[in-house]
Amino acid sequence: MSEQPALVPDRQPLDEHAAASARAYAADQRARVDVLASVLEDIAANGYPSPETGVLWEEARDAHLDRLAGEQPRVA
């Protein structure tokens, strides 16, 4: 990727802070997709994990809600 993309007449450029926020959000989303892809690849290679090694959905939900509560609010 080039550091300076070609300007398109119908687009409004972002200020430095907004551009940095957009890049950080993109990196975060890319990391999440990479984790999902690795899980799917593991399932494809090794099959589904046994139910005994899993986590109850209630525990997973509560852990996720705790993580969300600890994050800083973001604007997309």
C-alpha atoms as a PDB file:
ATOM      1  CA  MET A   1       0.000   0.000   0.000  1.00  0.00           C
ATOM      2  CA  SER A   2       1.192   3.460  -0.701  1.00  0.00           C
ATOM      3  CA  GLU A   3       1.313   6.013   2.076  1.00  0.00           C
ATOM      4  CA  GLN A   4      -0.591   8.560   0.015  1.00  0.00           C
ATOM      5  CA  PRO A   5      -3.654   7.159  -1.744  1.00  0.00           C
ATOM      6  CA  ALA A   6      -4.888   8.911  -4.850  1.00  0.00           C
ATOM      7  CA  LEU A   7      -7.424  11.601  -4.020  1.00  0.00           C
ATOM      8  CA  VAL A   8     -10.909  10.872  -5.259  1.00  0.00           C
ATOM      9  CA  PRO A   9     -13.018  13.985  -5.920  1.00  0.00           C
ATOM     10  CA  ASP A  10     -16.175  12.706  -4.185  1.00  0.00           C
ATOM     11  CA  ARG A  11     -14.415  11.794  -0.924  1.00  0.00           C
ATOM     12  CA  GLN A  12     -13.753  13.974   2.046  1.00  0.00           C
ATOM     13  CA  PRO A  13     -10.306  13.493   3.619  1.00  0.00           C
ATOM     14  CA  LEU A  14     -10.069  12.601   7.320  1.00  0.00           C
ATOM     15  CA  ASP A  15      -8.059  14.522   9.854  1.00  0.00           C
ATOM     16  CA  GLU A  16      -5.068  12.720  11.378  1.00  0.00           C
ATOM     17  CA  HIS A  17      -6.915  11.630  14.531  1.00  0.00           C
ATOM     18  CA  ALA A  18      -9.883  10.220  12.606  1.00  0.00           C
ATOM     19  CA  ALA A  19      -7.590   8.406  10.172  1.00  0.00           C
ATOM     20  CA  ALA A  20      -5.599   6.903  13.058  1.00  0.00           C
ATOM     21  CA  SER A  21      -8.840   5.776  14.725  1.00  0.00           C
ATOM     22  CA  ALA A  22     -10.072   4.170  11.501  1.00  0.00           C
ATOM     23  CA  ARG A  23      -6.754   2.341  11.073  1.00  0.00           C
ATOM     24  CA  ALA A  24      -6.823   1.124  14.692  1.00  0.00           C
ATOM     25  CA  TYR A  25     -10.389  -0.131  14.266  1.00  0.00           C
ATOM     26  CA  ALA A  26      -9.440  -1.908  11.025  1.00  0.00           C
ATOM     27  CA  ALA A  27      -6.473  -3.571  12.738  1.00  0.00           C
ATOM     28  CA  ASP A  28      -8.706  -4.711  15.614  1.00  0.00           C
ATOM     29  CA  GLN A  29     -11.272  -6.174  13.228  1.00  0.00           C
ATOM     30  CA  ARG A  30      -8.542  -7.859  11.173  1.00  0.00           C
ATOM     31  CA  ALA A  31      -7.186  -9.499  14.336  1.00  0.00           C
ATOM     32  CA  ARG A  32     -10.641 -10.780  15.258  1.00  0.00           C
ATOM     33  CA  VAL A  33     -11.158 -12.236  11.788  1.00  0.00           C
ATOM     34  CA  ASP A  34      -7.733 -13.910  11.961  1.00  0.00           C
ATOM     35  CA  VAL A  35      -8.737 -15.603  15.230  1.00  0.00           C
ATOM     36  CA  LEU A  36     -12.003 -16.823  13.707  1.00  0.00           C
ATOM     37  CA  ALA A  37     -10.190 -18.101  10.612  1.00  0.00           C
ATOM     38  CA  SER A  38      -7.711 -20.042  12.742  1.00  0.00           C
ATOM     39  CA  VAL A  39     -10.548 -21.660  14.712  1.00  0.00           C
ATOM     40  CA  LEU A  40     -12.321 -22.667  11.505  1.00  0.00           C
ATOM     41  CA  GLU A  41      -9.083 -24.050  10.053  1.00  0.00           C
ATOM     42  CA  ASP A  42      -8.533 -26.100  13.228  1.00  0.00           C
ATOM     43  CA  ILE A  43     -12.075 -27.497  13.017  1.00  0.00           C
ATOM     44  CA  ALA A  44     -11.565 -28.354   9.340  1.00  0.00           C
ATOM     45  CA  ALA A  45      -8.268 -30.122  10.091  1.00  0.00           C
ATOM     46  CA  ASN A  46      -9.181 -31.860  13.360  1.00  0.00           C
ATOM     47  CA  GLY A  47     -12.982 -31.964  13.572  1.00  0.00           C
ATOM     48  CA  TYR A  48     -15.235 -30.477  16.217  1.00  0.00           C
ATOM     49  CA  PRO A  49     -13.938 -30.332  19.795  1.00  0.00           C
ATOM     50  CA  SER A  50     -15.604 -32.649  22.306  1.00  0.00           C
ATOM     51  CA  PRO A  51     -18.426 -31.111  24.344  1.00  0.00           C
ATOM     52  CA  GLU A  52     -16.521 -31.826  27.575  1.00  0.00           C
ATOM     53  CA  THR A  53     -13.791 -29.366  26.588  1.00  0.00           C
ATOM     54  CA  GLY A  54     -16.215 -26.577  25.702  1.00  0.00           C
ATOM     55  CA  VAL A  55     -17.535 -23.616  27.665  1.00  0.00           C
ATOM     56  CA  LEU A  56     -21.181 -23.192  28.591  1.00  0.00           C
ATOM     57  CA  TRP A  57     -22.788 -20.418  26.557  1.00  0.00           C
ATOM     58  CA  GLU A  58     -23.842 -18.615  29.724  1.00  0.00           C
ATOM     59  CA  GLU A  59     -20.222 -18.451  30.908  1.00  0.00           C
ATOM     60  CA  ALA A  60     -19.037 -17.295  27.480  1.00  0.00           C
ATOM     61  CA  ARG A  61     -21.773 -14.630  27.377  1.00  0.00           C
ATOM     62  CA  ASP A  62     -20.979 -13.334  30.855  1.00  0.00           C
ATOM     63  CA  ALA A  63     -17.238 -13.195  30.107  1.00  0.00           C
ATOM     64  CA  HIS A  64     -17.917 -11.319  26.880  1.00  0.00           C
ATOM     65  CA  LEU A  65     -20.217  -8.834  28.613  1.00  0.00           C
ATOM     66  CA  ASP A  66     -17.529  -8.255  31.258  1.00  0.00           C
ATOM     67  CA  ARG A  67     -14.977  -7.553  28.499  1.00  0.00           C
ATOM     68  CA  LEU A  68     -17.376  -5.129  26.791  1.00  0.00           C
ATOM     69  CA  ALA A  69     -18.043  -3.313  30.050  1.00  0.00           C
ATOM     70  CA  GLY A  70     -14.310  -2.768  30.516  1.00  0.00           C
ATOM     71  CA  GLU A  71     -13.709  -1.303  27.038  1.00  0.00           C
ATOM     72  CA  GLN A  72     -13.621   2.372  26.259  1.00  0.00           C
ATOM     73  CA  PRO A  73     -16.565   3.602  24.199  1.00  0.00           C
ATOM     74  CA  ARG A  74     -15.839   3.974  20.480  1.00  0.00           C
ATOM     75  CA  VAL A  75     -17.505   5.754  17.650  1.00  0.00           C
ATOM     76  CA  ALA A  76     -17.483   3.943  14.321  1.00  0.00           C
END
